Amino acid sequence: MAPHDPAHLAVDLATVVTQLMRRMRAASSQGALTPSQRAVLSRLSNEGPTTTAALARAELVRPQSMRMILAALEEQELVERTPHPTDGRQVVFSSTERGRQAITSVRQAKQSWLLDAIETRLDADERRTLAEATELLKRLVQE
C-alpha cells in the first residue's frame, strides 16, 4: 500500500487520532473519573439536563450501564437529579457546579498539553501544515 493510497491514509489517520486522544486523556486525568464518566459529565455540561435514557442513547450504552455511570458521578457530587417536569416516573440529571469545574479542568489540561506539544515539537512550517491538515480534517467530519 502506497502512503498516499486512501486505504493507507485511512488506517494511519485512525491510528494517529486514537493515539492523540489517548495522550490528551492522559494529560487530563481527573482523579477517579473514567472516560465514560468524563464523557457523560461533558455532555451534561455542554447540552444541559437530560434523562438517563437520553444519555444512554447519546453515549451508545445500555440504560443499566448509564445508571451505574450516573450513580458514580452523583456519589462524587458531580451531577444531581431532579424530578422530570412532565413525567413523574423519570428524573433529570444535570451537572453540579463541582461537575462543571471538573470538566473545565479536564478541558484545560487537554488544551494545555496540546498547545505545549504544538509549540515545542513543531516549527513554524510544520504548524502551517498542521493548520492546513486541520482544515482538511474539518471537511472529513462535516455532514
C-alpha atoms as a PDB file:
ATOM      1  CA  MET A   1       0.000   0.000   0.000  1.00  0.00           C
ATOM      2  CA  ALA A   2       1.394   3.399  -1.020  1.00  0.00           C
ATOM      3  CA  PRO A   3       1.460   6.170   1.633  1.00  0.00           C
ATOM      4  CA  HIS A   4      -0.987   8.299  -0.404  1.00  0.00           C
ATOM      5  CA  ASP A   5      -3.361   5.403  -1.055  1.00  0.00           C
ATOM      6  CA  PRO A   6      -6.759   6.217   0.543  1.00  0.00           C
ATOM      7  CA  ALA A   7      -6.830   2.877   2.388  1.00  0.00           C
ATOM      8  CA  HIS A   8      -3.354   3.510   3.835  1.00  0.00           C
ATOM      9  CA  LEU A   9      -4.297   7.075   4.782  1.00  0.00           C
ATOM     10  CA  ALA A  10      -7.465   5.845   6.497  1.00  0.00           C
ATOM     11  CA  VAL A  11      -5.538   3.359   8.648  1.00  0.00           C
ATOM     12  CA  ASP A  12      -2.806   5.869   9.515  1.00  0.00           C
ATOM     13  CA  LEU A  13      -5.277   8.640  10.293  1.00  0.00           C
ATOM     14  CA  ALA A  14      -7.428   6.432  12.531  1.00  0.00           C
ATOM     15  CA  THR A  15      -4.328   5.260  14.375  1.00  0.00           C
ATOM     16  CA  VAL A  16      -2.874   8.708  14.962  1.00  0.00           C
ATOM     17  CA  VAL A  17      -6.222  10.200  16.033  1.00  0.00           C
ATOM     18  CA  THR A  18      -6.630   7.382  18.567  1.00  0.00           C
ATOM     19  CA  GLN A  19      -3.106   7.990  19.879  1.00  0.00           C
ATOM     20  CA  LEU A  20      -3.718  11.743  20.090  1.00  0.00           C
ATOM     21  CA  MET A  21      -6.917  11.222  22.055  1.00  0.00           C
ATOM     22  CA  ARG A  22      -5.133   8.845  24.449  1.00  0.00           C
ATOM     23  CA  ARG A  23      -2.335  11.360  25.048  1.00  0.00           C
ATOM     24  CA  MET A  24      -4.825  14.142  25.693  1.00  0.00           C
ATOM     25  CA  ARG A  25      -6.858  11.916  28.002  1.00  0.00           C
ATOM     26  CA  ALA A  26      -3.692  11.000  29.927  1.00  0.00           C
ATOM     27  CA  ALA A  27      -2.784  14.690  30.279  1.00  0.00           C
ATOM     28  CA  SER A  28      -6.190  15.437  31.767  1.00  0.00           C
ATOM     29  CA  SER A  29      -6.656  12.632  34.228  1.00  0.00           C
ATOM     30  CA  GLN A  30      -9.343  13.848  36.563  1.00  0.00           C
ATOM     31  CA  GLY A  31      -8.920  11.779  39.688  1.00  0.00           C
ATOM     32  CA  ALA A  32     -11.158   8.769  39.738  1.00  0.00           C
ATOM     33  CA  LEU A  33     -13.233   9.671  36.673  1.00  0.00           C
ATOM     34  CA  THR A  34     -13.377   7.026  33.978  1.00  0.00           C
ATOM     35  CA  PRO A  35     -13.518   8.006  30.302  1.00  0.00           C
ATOM     36  CA  SER A  36     -17.249   7.141  30.302  1.00  0.00           C
ATOM     37  CA  GLN A  37     -17.880   9.320  33.336  1.00  0.00           C
ATOM     38  CA  ARG A  38     -15.966  12.194  31.752  1.00  0.00           C
ATOM     39  CA  ALA A  39     -17.976  11.815  28.537  1.00  0.00           C
ATOM     40  CA  VAL A  40     -21.297  11.920  30.407  1.00  0.00           C
ATOM     41  CA  LEU A  41     -20.241  14.848  32.571  1.00  0.00           C
ATOM     42  CA  SER A  42     -19.056  16.704  29.480  1.00  0.00           C
ATOM     43  CA  ARG A  43     -22.338  16.025  27.682  1.00  0.00           C
ATOM     44  CA  LEU A  44     -24.365  17.290  30.643  1.00  0.00           C
ATOM     45  CA  SER A  45     -22.199  20.398  30.901  1.00  0.00           C
ATOM     46  CA  ASN A  46     -22.451  21.117  27.161  1.00  0.00           C
ATOM     47  CA  GLU A  47     -26.037  20.129  26.428  1.00  0.00           C
ATOM     48  CA  GLY A  48     -27.785  20.618  29.748  1.00  0.00           C
ATOM     49  CA  PRO A  49     -30.049  18.433  31.866  1.00  0.00           C
ATOM     50  CA  THR A  50     -31.456  15.208  30.447  1.00  0.00           C
ATOM     51  CA  THR A  51     -32.773  11.784  31.360  1.00  0.00           C
ATOM     52  CA  THR A  52     -30.890   8.557  31.887  1.00  0.00           C
ATOM     53  CA  ALA A  53     -32.464   7.066  28.748  1.00  0.00           C
ATOM     54  CA  ALA A  54     -31.467  10.035  26.583  1.00  0.00           C
ATOM     55  CA  LEU A  55     -27.900   9.904  27.919  1.00  0.00           C
ATOM     56  CA  ALA A  56     -27.720   6.159  27.275  1.00  0.00           C
ATOM     57  CA  ARG A  57     -28.838   6.655  23.667  1.00  0.00           C
ATOM     58  CA  ALA A  58     -26.420   9.534  23.128  1.00  0.00           C
ATOM     59  CA  GLU A  59     -23.461   7.606  24.569  1.00  0.00           C
ATOM     60  CA  LEU A  60     -24.474   4.328  22.900  1.00  0.00           C
ATOM     61  CA  VAL A  61     -24.698   2.332  26.128  1.00  0.00           C
ATOM     62  CA  ARG A  62     -27.447   0.347  27.807  1.00  0.00           C
ATOM     63  CA  PRO A  63     -29.642   2.248  30.293  1.00  0.00           C
ATOM     64  CA  GLN A  64     -28.376  -0.035  33.096  1.00  0.00           C
ATOM     65  CA  SER A  65     -24.776   0.973  32.316  1.00  0.00           C
ATOM     66  CA  MET A  66     -25.750   4.646  32.239  1.00  0.00           C
ATOM     67  CA  ARG A  67     -27.432   4.310  35.638  1.00  0.00           C
ATOM     68  CA  MET A  68     -24.136   2.995  37.047  1.00  0.00           C
ATOM     69  CA  ILE A  69     -22.175   5.868  35.493  1.00  0.00           C
ATOM     70  CA  LEU A  70     -24.629   8.429  36.844  1.00  0.00           C
ATOM     71  CA  ALA A  71     -24.611   6.828  40.303  1.00  0.00           C
ATOM     72  CA  ALA A  72     -20.823   7.143  40.457  1.00  0.00           C
ATOM     73  CA  LEU A  73     -20.986  10.785  39.337  1.00  0.00           C
ATOM     74  CA  GLU A  74     -23.772  11.514  41.819  1.00  0.00           C
ATOM     75  CA  GLU A  75     -21.758   9.932  44.641  1.00  0.00           C
ATOM     76  CA  GLN A  76     -18.930  12.375  43.850  1.00  0.00           C
ATOM     77  CA  GLU A  77     -21.466  15.244  43.794  1.00  0.00           C
ATOM     78  CA  LEU A  78     -20.668  15.994  40.146  1.00  0.00           C
ATOM     79  CA  VAL A  79     -24.266  15.517  38.987  1.00  0.00           C
ATOM     80  CA  GLU A  80     -27.636  15.927  40.649  1.00  0.00           C
ATOM     81  CA  ARG A  81     -31.081  14.599  39.941  1.00  0.00           C
ATOM     82  CA  THR A  82     -34.374  16.459  39.893  1.00  0.00           C
ATOM     83  CA  PRO A  83     -37.886  15.274  39.088  1.00  0.00           C
ATOM     84  CA  HIS A  84     -38.821  15.314  35.393  1.00  0.00           C
ATOM     85  CA  PRO A  85     -41.060  18.356  34.790  1.00  0.00           C
ATOM     86  CA  THR A  86     -43.812  16.412  32.968  1.00  0.00           C
ATOM     87  CA  ASP A  87     -43.221  12.696  33.647  1.00  0.00           C
ATOM     88  CA  GLY A  88     -43.292  11.746  37.311  1.00  0.00           C
ATOM     89  CA  ARG A  89     -41.747   8.345  36.530  1.00  0.00           C
ATOM     90  CA  GLN A  90     -38.478   9.878  35.341  1.00  0.00           C
ATOM     91  CA  VAL A  91     -35.706  12.025  36.749  1.00  0.00           C
ATOM     92  CA  VAL A  92     -33.488  14.538  35.007  1.00  0.00           C
ATOM     93  CA  PHE A  93     -29.754  14.693  35.623  1.00  0.00           C
ATOM     94  CA  SER A  94     -27.670  17.842  35.411  1.00  0.00           C
ATOM     95  CA  SER A  95     -24.094  18.728  36.258  1.00  0.00           C
ATOM     96  CA  THR A  96     -23.422  20.492  39.531  1.00  0.00           C
ATOM     97  CA  GLU A  97     -21.082  23.452  39.883  1.00  0.00           C
ATOM     98  CA  ARG A  98     -18.453  20.999  41.086  1.00  0.00           C
ATOM     99  CA  GLY A  99     -19.081  18.881  37.981  1.00  0.00           C
ATOM    100  CA  ARG A 100     -18.746  21.877  35.679  1.00  0.00           C
ATOM    101  CA  GLN A 101     -15.481  22.835  37.366  1.00  0.00           C
ATOM    102  CA  ALA A 102     -14.183  19.269  37.000  1.00  0.00           C
ATOM    103  CA  ILE A 103     -14.932  19.131  33.270  1.00  0.00           C
ATOM    104  CA  THR A 104     -13.448  22.608  32.754  1.00  0.00           C
ATOM    105  CA  SER A 105     -10.282  21.412  34.478  1.00  0.00           C
ATOM    106  CA  VAL A 106     -10.145  18.357  32.197  1.00  0.00           C
ATOM    107  CA  ARG A 107     -10.575  20.519  29.092  1.00  0.00           C
ATOM    108  CA  GLN A 108      -7.930  22.997  30.213  1.00  0.00           C
ATOM    109  CA  ALA A 109      -5.416  20.212  30.890  1.00  0.00           C
ATOM    110  CA  LYS A 110      -6.006  18.706  27.428  1.00  0.00           C
ATOM    111  CA  GLN A 111      -5.720  22.107  25.749  1.00  0.00           C
ATOM    112  CA  SER A 112      -2.576  22.942  27.702  1.00  0.00           C
ATOM    113  CA  TRP A 113      -0.892  19.664  26.737  1.00  0.00           C
ATOM    114  CA  LEU A 114      -1.796  20.108  23.063  1.00  0.00           C
ATOM    115  CA  LEU A 115      -0.666  23.735  22.987  1.00  0.00           C
ATOM    116  CA  ASP A 116       2.660  22.809  24.583  1.00  0.00           C
ATOM    117  CA  ALA A 117       3.153  19.924  22.136  1.00  0.00           C
ATOM    118  CA  ILE A 118       2.453  22.151  19.129  1.00  0.00           C
ATOM    119  CA  GLU A 119       4.726  24.936  20.405  1.00  0.00           C
ATOM    120  CA  THR A 120       7.645  22.726  21.417  1.00  0.00           C
ATOM    121  CA  ARG A 121       7.581  19.930  18.831  1.00  0.00           C
ATOM    122  CA  LEU A 122       6.650  21.739  15.621  1.00  0.00           C
ATOM    123  CA  ASP A 123       8.429  24.540  13.813  1.00  0.00           C
ATOM    124  CA  ALA A 124       6.587  27.358  12.014  1.00  0.00           C
ATOM    125  CA  ASP A 125       6.340  25.465   8.697  1.00  0.00           C
ATOM    126  CA  GLU A 126       5.014  22.371  10.439  1.00  0.00           C
ATOM    127  CA  ARG A 127       2.432  24.457  12.308  1.00  0.00           C
ATOM    128  CA  ARG A 128       1.232  25.869   8.959  1.00  0.00           C
ATOM    129  CA  THR A 129       1.000  22.307   7.609  1.00  0.00           C
ATOM    130  CA  LEU A 130      -0.933  21.274  10.718  1.00  0.00           C
ATOM    131  CA  ALA A 131      -3.333  24.200  10.202  1.00  0.00           C
ATOM    132  CA  GLU A 132      -3.922  23.054   6.616  1.00  0.00           C
ATOM    133  CA  ALA A 133      -4.414  19.445   7.732  1.00  0.00           C
ATOM    134  CA  THR A 134      -6.852  20.607  10.411  1.00  0.00           C
ATOM    135  CA  GLU A 135      -8.967  22.291   7.743  1.00  0.00           C
ATOM    136  CA  LEU A 136      -8.979  19.040   5.755  1.00  0.00           C
ATOM    137  CA  LEU A 137      -9.998  17.085   8.846  1.00  0.00           C
ATOM    138  CA  LYS A 138     -12.881  19.510   9.405  1.00  0.00           C
ATOM    139  CA  ARG A 139     -14.079  18.721   5.867  1.00  0.00           C
ATOM    140  CA  LEU A 140     -13.909  14.993   6.599  1.00  0.00           C
ATOM    141  CA  VAL A 141     -16.232  15.282   9.593  1.00  0.00           C
ATOM    142  CA  GLN A 142     -18.777  17.653   8.027  1.00  0.00           C
ATOM    143  CA  GLU A 143     -22.126  16.082   7.387  1.00  0.00           C
END
